Amino acid sequence: MHSIAVALADLNLPLEIGMGLLNLAEFMEHQDQPLRLSNTALRDCANRFQAYAKALHWTELEFHAMPASDEILHQLIAINTKLQQDDAAYGIVQAITEQNGQDMTVMNVEWSERLQKWDVARAQYEEQRHHSKVVDLDVSFGLMRCYGALGEWEELRAVVDELWGDASQVERVEIAPYAATAVWALDEWQDADDLLDTMEPSLQRTLFQAVVHIKREKYQHARHAILRGRDDVSRAIYGLTGDDYVRNYG
């Protein structure tokens, strides 16, 4: 049990081994002989491998085993949202707000985002920006997330342009993915090279690079980027296999 616990906590654990251990833990539960492992460790490992149905199961066991902490409640909302179980996520928020004597109509912006109620979150962020005398980065990033989710590309580009000039290099790394999304959606490619140089390695950067090469008719370079992107995404797809048929099929 100690060796398995150490393995589950290892951030470099190979995907195949991690999924094998999670399946083992699940199987032993079905046999009414659960392994002596913490639900938190199993949940965190399942989250890393995007096995969200498994993660939800162990989070619910945590929820029933002890007084609900903010972390567990946040996990329940986040995982249900990733599983596209929006009603369940909304129900959890409703239970929390009623328990705390709050009104759902004044739900804070963090909950709005977690529930992907992007139009509500956008209005809340815009109101915060209207009442702020200085540029608040948290509000600006919140607006960029909302505009991106709602497909409001002109507004997204406006926030990017507002932040970019005075942003530090660290801040530009965070802004660049939003800027790339706006560049692509608006078909404005003049800043593509600067964004590629700024973006950290990721699937989004690889995909953006492939599109830039295609726009410039550098098809061999685009092919290499696409193949690299397939390698990047294969890990995520493997983690979903067997977890939820509907999501896998989509």
Protein backbone atom coordinates (compact mmCIF):
# COMPACT_ATOMS: atom_id res chain seq x y z
CA MET A 1 0.00 0.00 0.00
CA HIS A 2 2.86 2.37 0.79
CA SER A 3 4.46 1.74 -2.60
CA ILE A 4 1.18 2.34 -4.42
CA ALA A 5 0.61 5.56 -2.46
CA VAL A 6 4.10 6.78 -3.39
CA ALA A 7 3.48 5.90 -7.04
CA LEU A 8 0.12 7.72 -7.13
CA ALA A 9 1.75 10.89 -5.79
CA ASP A 10 4.60 10.78 -8.34
CA LEU A 11 4.01 13.53 -10.92
CA ASN A 12 6.18 11.59 -13.40
CA LEU A 13 4.12 8.40 -13.09
CA PRO A 14 3.57 6.95 -16.61
CA LEU A 15 -0.01 7.19 -17.76
CA GLU A 16 -0.48 3.46 -18.36
CA ILE A 17 0.72 2.58 -14.85
CA GLY A 18 -1.34 5.33 -13.22
CA MET A 19 -4.52 4.22 -14.98
CA GLY A 20 -3.76 0.61 -14.05
CA LEU A 21 -3.49 1.53 -10.36
CA LEU A 22 -6.71 3.57 -10.50
CA ASN A 23 -8.52 0.67 -12.16
CA LEU A 24 -7.16 -1.66 -9.49
CA ALA A 25 -8.45 0.60 -6.71
CA GLU A 26 -11.85 0.79 -8.39
CA PHE A 27 -12.02 -2.98 -8.89
CA MET A 28 -11.17 -3.69 -5.24
CA GLU A 29 -13.95 -1.32 -4.15
CA HIS A 30 -16.40 -3.31 -6.28
CA GLN A 31 -15.22 -6.44 -4.46
CA ASP A 32 -15.95 -4.76 -1.10
CA GLN A 33 -12.23 -4.87 -0.28
CA PRO A 34 -11.11 -1.25 -0.82
CA LEU A 35 -7.39 -0.60 -0.75
CA ARG A 36 -6.04 1.34 2.21
CA LEU A 37 -5.42 4.49 0.18
CA SER A 38 -6.68 8.01 0.79
CA ASN A 39 -9.51 9.22 -1.40
CA THR A 40 -7.60 12.48 -1.86
CA ALA A 41 -4.58 10.69 -3.36
CA LEU A 42 -6.79 8.69 -5.72
CA ARG A 43 -8.76 11.79 -6.70
CA ASP A 44 -5.65 13.87 -7.40
CA CYS A 45 -4.12 11.12 -9.53
CA ALA A 46 -7.38 10.68 -11.49
CA ASN A 47 -7.53 14.43 -12.10
CA ARG A 48 -3.96 14.44 -13.45
CA PHE A 49 -4.88 11.76 -15.99
CA GLN A 50 -8.23 13.44 -16.81
CA ALA A 51 -10.13 10.36 -15.59
CA TYR A 52 -12.86 12.66 -14.29
CA ALA A 53 -15.55 10.03 -13.63
CA LYS A 54 -13.13 8.28 -11.28
CA ALA A 55 -12.10 11.62 -9.74
CA LEU A 56 -15.74 12.49 -9.07
CA HIS A 57 -16.36 9.14 -7.34
CA TRP A 58 -13.49 9.61 -4.87
CA THR A 59 -14.35 13.28 -4.30
CA GLU A 60 -17.92 12.29 -3.41
CA LEU A 61 -16.55 9.72 -0.93
CA GLU A 62 -14.50 12.53 0.66
CA PHE A 63 -17.59 14.72 0.77
CA HIS A 64 -19.61 12.08 2.64
CA ALA A 65 -16.76 11.08 4.98
CA MET A 66 -16.05 14.47 6.54
CA PRO A 67 -17.44 17.99 6.89
CA ALA A 68 -17.37 19.61 3.46
CA SER A 69 -14.33 21.86 3.08
CA ASP A 70 -14.05 24.62 0.47
CA GLU A 71 -11.51 22.52 -1.44
CA ILE A 72 -13.85 19.51 -1.73
CA LEU A 73 -16.77 21.70 -2.79
CA HIS A 74 -14.62 23.42 -5.43
CA GLN A 75 -13.47 20.02 -6.67
CA LEU A 76 -17.05 18.75 -6.92
CA ILE A 77 -18.08 21.78 -8.94
CA ALA A 78 -15.01 21.68 -11.21
CA ILE A 79 -15.23 17.94 -11.93
CA ASN A 80 -18.99 17.99 -12.56
CA THR A 81 -18.44 20.88 -14.97
CA LYS A 82 -15.73 18.95 -16.82
CA LEU A 83 -18.10 15.99 -17.06
CA GLN A 84 -20.71 18.35 -18.56
CA GLN A 85 -22.98 17.74 -15.58
CA ASP A 86 -23.91 21.40 -15.25
CA ASP A 87 -27.08 20.75 -13.25
CA ALA A 88 -25.11 18.86 -10.60
CA ALA A 89 -22.52 21.64 -10.39
CA TYR A 90 -25.25 24.28 -10.13
CA GLY A 91 -27.00 22.25 -7.42
CA ILE A 92 -23.82 22.19 -5.33
CA VAL A 93 -23.46 25.97 -5.59
CA GLN A 94 -27.13 26.40 -4.68
CA ALA A 95 -26.69 24.18 -1.61
CA ILE A 96 -23.61 26.14 -0.52
CA THR A 97 -25.25 29.54 -0.93
CA GLU A 98 -28.44 28.48 0.86
CA GLN A 99 -26.37 26.95 3.66
CA ASN A 100 -24.50 30.25 4.07
CA GLY A 101 -27.67 32.31 3.88
CA GLN A 102 -26.73 33.85 0.53
CA ASP A 103 -28.89 34.70 -2.47
CA MET A 104 -28.19 32.87 -5.74
CA THR A 105 -28.93 36.06 -7.67
CA VAL A 106 -25.80 37.66 -6.20
CA MET A 107 -23.59 34.67 -6.87
CA ASN A 108 -19.95 35.82 -6.99
CA VAL A 109 -18.00 35.92 -10.21
CA GLU A 110 -15.84 32.90 -9.33
CA TRP A 111 -18.90 30.66 -9.13
CA SER A 112 -20.26 32.13 -12.35
CA GLU A 113 -17.07 31.13 -14.14
CA ARG A 114 -16.94 27.69 -12.60
CA LEU A 115 -20.49 27.06 -13.79
CA GLN A 116 -19.56 28.47 -17.22
CA LYS A 117 -22.25 31.13 -16.95
CA TRP A 118 -20.05 33.34 -19.07
CA ASP A 119 -22.55 36.10 -19.81
CA VAL A 120 -23.20 36.55 -16.08
CA ALA A 121 -19.47 36.51 -15.29
CA ARG A 122 -18.76 39.01 -18.09
CA ALA A 123 -21.32 41.46 -16.70
CA GLN A 124 -19.82 41.10 -13.21
CA TYR A 125 -16.27 41.68 -14.46
CA GLU A 126 -17.34 44.66 -16.58
CA GLU A 127 -19.02 46.21 -13.56
CA GLN A 128 -15.87 45.68 -11.49
CA ARG A 129 -13.74 47.30 -14.21
CA HIS A 130 -16.15 50.25 -14.44
CA HIS A 131 -15.76 50.96 -10.72
CA SER A 132 -11.98 50.46 -10.64
CA LYS A 133 -9.71 53.49 -11.03
CA VAL A 134 -6.69 51.41 -12.13
CA VAL A 135 -6.19 48.40 -14.38
CA ASP A 136 -6.89 45.28 -12.33
CA LEU A 137 -5.12 42.29 -13.91
CA ASP A 138 -7.43 39.76 -12.26
CA VAL A 139 -10.46 41.52 -13.72
CA SER A 140 -8.79 41.86 -17.13
CA PHE A 141 -7.91 38.16 -17.28
CA GLY A 142 -11.44 37.31 -16.18
CA LEU A 143 -12.82 39.42 -19.01
CA MET A 144 -10.52 37.73 -21.51
CA ARG A 145 -11.73 34.31 -20.38
CA CYS A 146 -15.36 35.44 -20.75
CA TYR A 147 -14.88 37.09 -24.14
CA GLY A 148 -13.04 34.03 -25.43
CA ALA A 149 -15.75 31.65 -24.21
CA LEU A 150 -18.51 33.84 -25.70
CA GLY A 151 -16.70 34.34 -29.02
CA GLU A 152 -16.54 38.12 -28.60
CA TRP A 153 -13.27 38.49 -30.46
CA GLU A 154 -13.19 42.27 -30.95
CA GLU A 155 -13.67 42.79 -27.23
CA LEU A 156 -11.02 40.18 -26.46
CA ARG A 157 -8.53 41.88 -28.78
CA ALA A 158 -9.28 45.26 -27.17
CA VAL A 159 -8.39 43.94 -23.69
CA VAL A 160 -5.22 42.29 -25.06
CA ASP A 161 -4.14 45.57 -26.70
CA GLU A 162 -4.87 47.46 -23.49
CA LEU A 163 -2.64 45.17 -21.42
CA TRP A 164 0.17 44.25 -23.82
CA GLY A 165 2.13 47.51 -23.93
CA ASP A 166 2.76 47.82 -20.18
CA ALA A 167 2.84 44.09 -19.40
CA SER A 168 5.97 42.40 -18.06
CA GLN A 169 7.40 39.37 -19.85
CA VAL A 170 5.77 37.05 -17.31
CA GLU A 171 2.41 38.75 -17.85
CA ARG A 172 2.80 38.58 -21.64
CA VAL A 173 3.29 34.81 -21.39
CA GLU A 174 -0.13 34.65 -19.71
CA ILE A 175 -1.76 37.07 -22.16
CA ALA A 176 -0.33 35.45 -25.33
CA PRO A 177 -2.79 32.49 -25.56
CA TYR A 178 -5.75 34.89 -25.45
CA ALA A 179 -4.08 37.12 -28.03
CA ALA A 180 -3.49 34.10 -30.30
CA THR A 181 -7.16 33.15 -30.06
CA ALA A 182 -8.17 36.68 -31.11
CA VAL A 183 -5.61 36.80 -33.94
CA TRP A 184 -6.94 33.53 -35.35
CA ALA A 185 -10.62 34.45 -35.00
CA LEU A 186 -10.16 37.93 -36.54
CA ASP A 187 -7.78 36.69 -39.27
CA GLU A 188 -5.17 39.29 -38.24
CA TRP A 189 -1.83 37.51 -38.49
CA GLN A 190 0.65 40.41 -38.34
CA ASP A 191 1.58 39.69 -34.69
CA ALA A 192 1.75 35.90 -35.05
CA ASP A 193 5.55 35.59 -34.79
CA ASP A 194 5.75 37.70 -31.63
CA LEU A 195 3.02 35.60 -30.04
CA LEU A 196 4.69 32.32 -30.97
CA ASP A 197 7.93 33.55 -29.41
CA THR A 198 6.06 34.50 -26.23
CA MET A 199 3.79 31.47 -25.77
CA GLU A 200 4.97 28.60 -23.61
CA PRO A 201 5.09 25.10 -25.16
CA SER A 202 1.57 23.71 -25.22
CA LEU A 203 -0.95 22.06 -27.51
CA GLN A 204 -2.48 25.46 -28.24
CA ARG A 205 0.90 26.88 -29.29
CA THR A 206 1.57 23.86 -31.55
CA LEU A 207 -1.85 24.19 -33.19
CA PHE A 208 -1.42 27.95 -33.64
CA GLN A 209 2.02 27.36 -35.18
CA ALA A 210 0.54 24.84 -37.63
CA VAL A 211 -2.11 27.34 -38.74
CA VAL A 212 0.51 30.10 -39.18
CA HIS A 213 2.58 27.78 -41.40
CA ILE A 214 -0.51 26.91 -43.47
CA LYS A 215 -1.36 30.59 -43.91
CA ARG A 216 2.18 31.07 -45.26
CA GLU A 217 1.94 27.94 -47.43
CA LYS A 218 4.81 26.24 -45.56
CA TYR A 219 3.08 22.89 -45.66
CA GLN A 220 6.01 20.70 -44.62
CA HIS A 221 6.50 22.80 -41.48
CA ALA A 222 2.76 22.64 -40.83
CA ARG A 223 2.84 18.85 -41.17
CA HIS A 224 5.58 18.57 -38.53
CA ALA A 225 3.59 20.82 -36.17
CA ILE A 226 0.43 18.74 -36.67
CA LEU A 227 2.27 15.49 -35.96
CA ARG A 228 3.80 17.03 -32.84
CA GLY A 229 0.32 18.15 -31.76
CA ARG A 230 -1.01 14.62 -32.19
CA ASP A 231 1.72 13.35 -29.88
CA ASP A 232 0.78 16.02 -27.32
CA VAL A 233 -2.93 15.21 -27.38
CA SER A 234 -2.58 11.42 -27.32
CA ARG A 235 -1.84 11.46 -23.59
CA ALA A 236 -5.05 13.32 -22.82
CA ILE A 237 -7.12 11.04 -25.07
CA TYR A 238 -5.66 7.94 -23.41
CA GLY A 239 -6.65 9.26 -19.99
CA LEU A 240 -10.27 9.56 -21.11
CA THR A 241 -10.46 6.05 -22.57
CA GLY A 242 -12.88 3.94 -20.63
CA ASP A 243 -13.84 6.83 -18.38
CA ASP A 244 -16.96 8.04 -20.16
CA TYR A 245 -18.16 6.70 -23.50
CA VAL A 246 -20.18 9.77 -24.50
CA ARG A 247 -17.23 12.14 -24.09
CA ASN A 248 -14.80 9.71 -25.72
CA TYR A 249 -17.02 9.30 -28.76
CA GLY A 250 -17.40 13.05 -29.20
